[in-house]
Amino acid sequence: MSQQLLLRFDAFDQTRFDDDAETRAAAGLTLLQLWTAEGATRWALFSVNDAAKARNWLSEAGALGHGPAESHFLRTA
């Protein structure tokens, strides 16, 4: 079974998101899809290679004030 991480960003900064790509990769995250929703909301789907590193990345991004508004770890059924 593979694991994914679904994130919702209410305020989205494309430059910051792009600049964070290397940090996300080091946390075992690979971007699979990025969606635009109403307003400035974006949803991002990542494959997760290391759940512990991904959780740590989420915690650090939140502490820095630019983390997602919502996060969900998912497994394929």
N, C-alpha and C. Protein backbone atom coordinates (compact mmCIF):
# COMPACT_ATOMS: atom_id res chain seq x y z
N MET A 1 0.84 -1.18 0.00
CA MET A 1 0.00 0.00 0.00
C MET A 1 0.88 1.24 0.00
N SER A 2 0.49 2.19 -0.79
CA SER A 2 1.24 3.44 -0.79
C SER A 2 0.52 4.46 0.08
N GLN A 3 1.29 5.43 0.53
CA GLN A 3 0.74 6.46 1.39
C GLN A 3 0.87 7.81 0.69
N GLN A 4 -0.16 8.63 0.84
CA GLN A 4 -0.16 9.97 0.29
C GLN A 4 -0.46 10.97 1.39
N LEU A 5 -0.16 12.23 1.09
CA LEU A 5 -0.46 13.33 1.98
C LEU A 5 -1.22 14.38 1.18
N LEU A 6 -2.41 14.70 1.63
CA LEU A 6 -3.25 15.71 0.99
C LEU A 6 -3.23 16.96 1.86
N LEU A 7 -2.86 18.09 1.25
CA LEU A 7 -2.75 19.35 1.98
C LEU A 7 -3.65 20.41 1.37
N ARG A 8 -4.23 21.25 2.25
CA ARG A 8 -5.00 22.40 1.79
C ARG A 8 -4.29 23.66 2.26
N PHE A 9 -4.02 24.55 1.32
CA PHE A 9 -3.42 25.85 1.62
C PHE A 9 -4.47 26.91 1.35
N ASP A 10 -4.86 27.67 2.37
CA ASP A 10 -5.85 28.72 2.19
C ASP A 10 -5.23 29.97 1.57
N ALA A 11 -4.01 30.27 1.97
CA ALA A 11 -3.26 31.38 1.37
C ALA A 11 -2.06 30.73 0.70
N PHE A 12 -1.96 30.86 -0.60
CA PHE A 12 -0.94 30.13 -1.35
C PHE A 12 0.02 31.09 -2.02
N ASP A 13 1.31 30.87 -1.78
CA ASP A 13 2.37 31.65 -2.39
C ASP A 13 3.18 30.70 -3.28
N GLN A 14 3.01 30.80 -4.58
CA GLN A 14 3.66 29.87 -5.52
C GLN A 14 5.18 29.91 -5.39
N THR A 15 5.74 31.10 -5.23
CA THR A 15 7.20 31.21 -5.10
C THR A 15 7.70 30.49 -3.86
N ARG A 16 7.04 30.71 -2.73
CA ARG A 16 7.43 30.03 -1.49
C ARG A 16 7.28 28.51 -1.65
N PHE A 17 6.18 28.09 -2.28
CA PHE A 17 5.94 26.66 -2.50
C PHE A 17 7.07 26.07 -3.35
N ASP A 18 7.43 26.75 -4.42
CA ASP A 18 8.51 26.27 -5.29
C ASP A 18 9.85 26.25 -4.56
N ASP A 19 10.11 27.29 -3.77
CA ASP A 19 11.37 27.36 -3.02
C ASP A 19 11.48 26.26 -1.98
N ASP A 20 10.37 25.72 -1.53
CA ASP A 20 10.35 24.68 -0.50
C ASP A 20 10.46 23.26 -1.08
N ALA A 21 10.57 23.15 -2.38
CA ALA A 21 10.58 21.83 -3.03
C ALA A 21 11.71 20.94 -2.52
N GLU A 22 12.90 21.49 -2.35
CA GLU A 22 14.03 20.69 -1.88
C GLU A 22 13.81 20.21 -0.45
N THR A 23 13.26 21.06 0.38
CA THR A 23 12.97 20.68 1.77
C THR A 23 11.93 19.58 1.83
N ARG A 24 10.88 19.69 0.99
CA ARG A 24 9.86 18.64 0.94
C ARG A 24 10.46 17.33 0.46
N ALA A 25 11.32 17.39 -0.55
CA ALA A 25 11.96 16.18 -1.07
C ALA A 25 12.80 15.51 0.02
N ALA A 26 13.51 16.30 0.80
CA ALA A 26 14.32 15.75 1.90
C ALA A 26 13.44 15.11 2.96
N ALA A 27 12.18 15.54 3.04
CA ALA A 27 11.22 14.96 3.98
C ALA A 27 10.49 13.76 3.38
N GLY A 28 10.92 13.32 2.21
CA GLY A 28 10.33 12.13 1.59
C GLY A 28 9.02 12.39 0.88
N LEU A 29 8.76 13.65 0.49
CA LEU A 29 7.51 14.00 -0.20
C LEU A 29 7.77 14.29 -1.67
N THR A 30 6.91 13.74 -2.51
CA THR A 30 6.98 13.99 -3.96
C THR A 30 5.63 14.51 -4.41
N LEU A 31 5.61 15.68 -5.00
CA LEU A 31 4.36 16.27 -5.47
C LEU A 31 3.78 15.45 -6.61
N LEU A 32 2.52 15.04 -6.45
CA LEU A 32 1.81 14.30 -7.49
C LEU A 32 0.85 15.19 -8.26
N GLN A 33 0.18 16.10 -7.53
CA GLN A 33 -0.84 16.94 -8.17
C GLN A 33 -1.05 18.19 -7.34
N LEU A 34 -1.31 19.31 -8.02
CA LEU A 34 -1.64 20.57 -7.37
C LEU A 34 -2.91 21.09 -8.01
N TRP A 35 -3.93 21.36 -7.18
CA TRP A 35 -5.21 21.84 -7.69
C TRP A 35 -5.48 23.25 -7.22
N THR A 36 -6.18 24.02 -8.03
CA THR A 36 -6.67 25.33 -7.67
C THR A 36 -8.14 25.20 -7.31
N ALA A 37 -8.53 25.76 -6.18
CA ALA A 37 -9.93 25.76 -5.76
C ALA A 37 -10.41 27.21 -5.79
N GLU A 38 -11.52 27.47 -5.12
CA GLU A 38 -12.07 28.82 -5.09
C GLU A 38 -11.10 29.78 -4.39
N GLY A 39 -11.04 31.00 -4.89
CA GLY A 39 -10.18 32.01 -4.29
C GLY A 39 -8.71 31.64 -4.38
N ALA A 40 -8.02 31.79 -3.27
CA ALA A 40 -6.58 31.50 -3.24
C ALA A 40 -6.28 30.09 -2.74
N THR A 41 -7.30 29.30 -2.49
CA THR A 41 -7.11 27.96 -1.94
C THR A 41 -6.47 27.04 -2.97
N ARG A 42 -5.49 26.26 -2.49
CA ARG A 42 -4.84 25.24 -3.31
C ARG A 42 -4.84 23.94 -2.52
N TRP A 43 -4.96 22.83 -3.23
CA TRP A 43 -4.83 21.49 -2.66
C TRP A 43 -3.62 20.86 -3.32
N ALA A 44 -2.81 20.17 -2.53
CA ALA A 44 -1.62 19.49 -3.05
C ALA A 44 -1.64 18.04 -2.57
N LEU A 45 -1.33 17.14 -3.49
CA LEU A 45 -1.25 15.71 -3.17
C LEU A 45 0.19 15.26 -3.36
N PHE A 46 0.74 14.64 -2.32
CA PHE A 46 2.12 14.16 -2.34
C PHE A 46 2.15 12.66 -2.09
N SER A 47 3.11 11.98 -2.68
CA SER A 47 3.41 10.62 -2.24
C SER A 47 4.34 10.76 -1.05
N VAL A 48 4.23 9.84 -0.10
CA VAL A 48 5.00 9.89 1.15
C VAL A 48 5.93 8.69 1.19
N ASN A 49 7.23 8.95 1.25
CA ASN A 49 8.22 7.88 1.35
C ASN A 49 8.62 7.61 2.79
N ASP A 50 8.45 8.61 3.67
CA ASP A 50 8.83 8.48 5.07
C ASP A 50 7.85 9.30 5.90
N ALA A 51 6.89 8.64 6.51
CA ALA A 51 5.82 9.34 7.25
C ALA A 51 6.37 10.16 8.41
N ALA A 52 7.37 9.66 9.12
CA ALA A 52 7.93 10.41 10.25
C ALA A 52 8.56 11.71 9.79
N LYS A 53 9.32 11.66 8.70
CA LYS A 53 9.93 12.88 8.15
C LYS A 53 8.85 13.83 7.64
N ALA A 54 7.81 13.31 7.04
CA ALA A 54 6.73 14.15 6.52
C ALA A 54 6.01 14.86 7.67
N ARG A 55 5.76 14.14 8.76
CA ARG A 55 5.12 14.76 9.92
C ARG A 55 6.01 15.86 10.52
N ASN A 56 7.30 15.60 10.57
CA ASN A 56 8.23 16.60 11.07
C ASN A 56 8.23 17.84 10.18
N TRP A 57 8.22 17.64 8.86
CA TRP A 57 8.15 18.77 7.92
C TRP A 57 6.87 19.58 8.15
N LEU A 58 5.74 18.89 8.32
CA LEU A 58 4.47 19.58 8.60
C LEU A 58 4.57 20.42 9.87
N SER A 59 5.14 19.85 10.89
CA SER A 59 5.28 20.55 12.16
C SER A 59 6.16 21.79 12.01
N GLU A 60 7.28 21.65 11.32
CA GLU A 60 8.19 22.78 11.12
C GLU A 60 7.55 23.86 10.26
N ALA A 61 6.87 23.47 9.19
CA ALA A 61 6.22 24.45 8.31
C ALA A 61 5.14 25.21 9.08
N GLY A 62 4.41 24.53 9.92
CA GLY A 62 3.39 25.18 10.74
C GLY A 62 4.00 26.15 11.73
N ALA A 63 5.11 25.76 12.34
CA ALA A 63 5.78 26.63 13.30
C ALA A 63 6.33 27.89 12.63
N LEU A 64 6.71 27.78 11.37
CA LEU A 64 7.24 28.93 10.63
C LEU A 64 6.13 29.82 10.06
N GLY A 65 4.88 29.35 10.18
CA GLY A 65 3.75 30.17 9.75
C GLY A 65 3.38 30.05 8.29
N HIS A 66 3.95 29.07 7.59
CA HIS A 66 3.57 28.90 6.18
C HIS A 66 3.17 27.46 5.86
N GLY A 67 2.70 26.77 6.88
CA GLY A 67 2.24 25.41 6.67
C GLY A 67 0.83 25.38 6.11
N PRO A 68 0.36 24.21 5.77
CA PRO A 68 -1.01 24.08 5.24
C PRO A 68 -2.06 24.30 6.31
N ALA A 69 -3.24 24.68 5.89
CA ALA A 69 -4.37 24.88 6.80
C ALA A 69 -4.94 23.54 7.25
N GLU A 70 -4.74 22.51 6.44
CA GLU A 70 -5.31 21.19 6.72
C GLU A 70 -4.41 20.14 6.10
N SER A 71 -4.26 19.01 6.77
CA SER A 71 -3.45 17.91 6.23
C SER A 71 -4.10 16.57 6.54
N HIS A 72 -3.97 15.64 5.60
CA HIS A 72 -4.54 14.30 5.75
C HIS A 72 -3.57 13.28 5.18
N PHE A 73 -3.15 12.32 6.02
CA PHE A 73 -2.38 11.19 5.53
C PHE A 73 -3.37 10.14 5.05
N LEU A 74 -3.18 9.64 3.85
CA LEU A 74 -4.09 8.69 3.22
C LEU A 74 -3.35 7.47 2.73
N ARG A 75 -4.01 6.35 2.68
CA ARG A 75 -3.47 5.11 2.10
C ARG A 75 -4.40 4.64 1.00
N THR A 76 -3.83 4.06 -0.03
CA THR A 76 -4.68 3.53 -1.11
C THR A 76 -5.47 2.34 -0.55
N ALA A 77 -6.68 2.22 -1.01
CA ALA A 77 -7.56 1.15 -0.53
C ALA A 77 -7.42 -0.08 -1.41
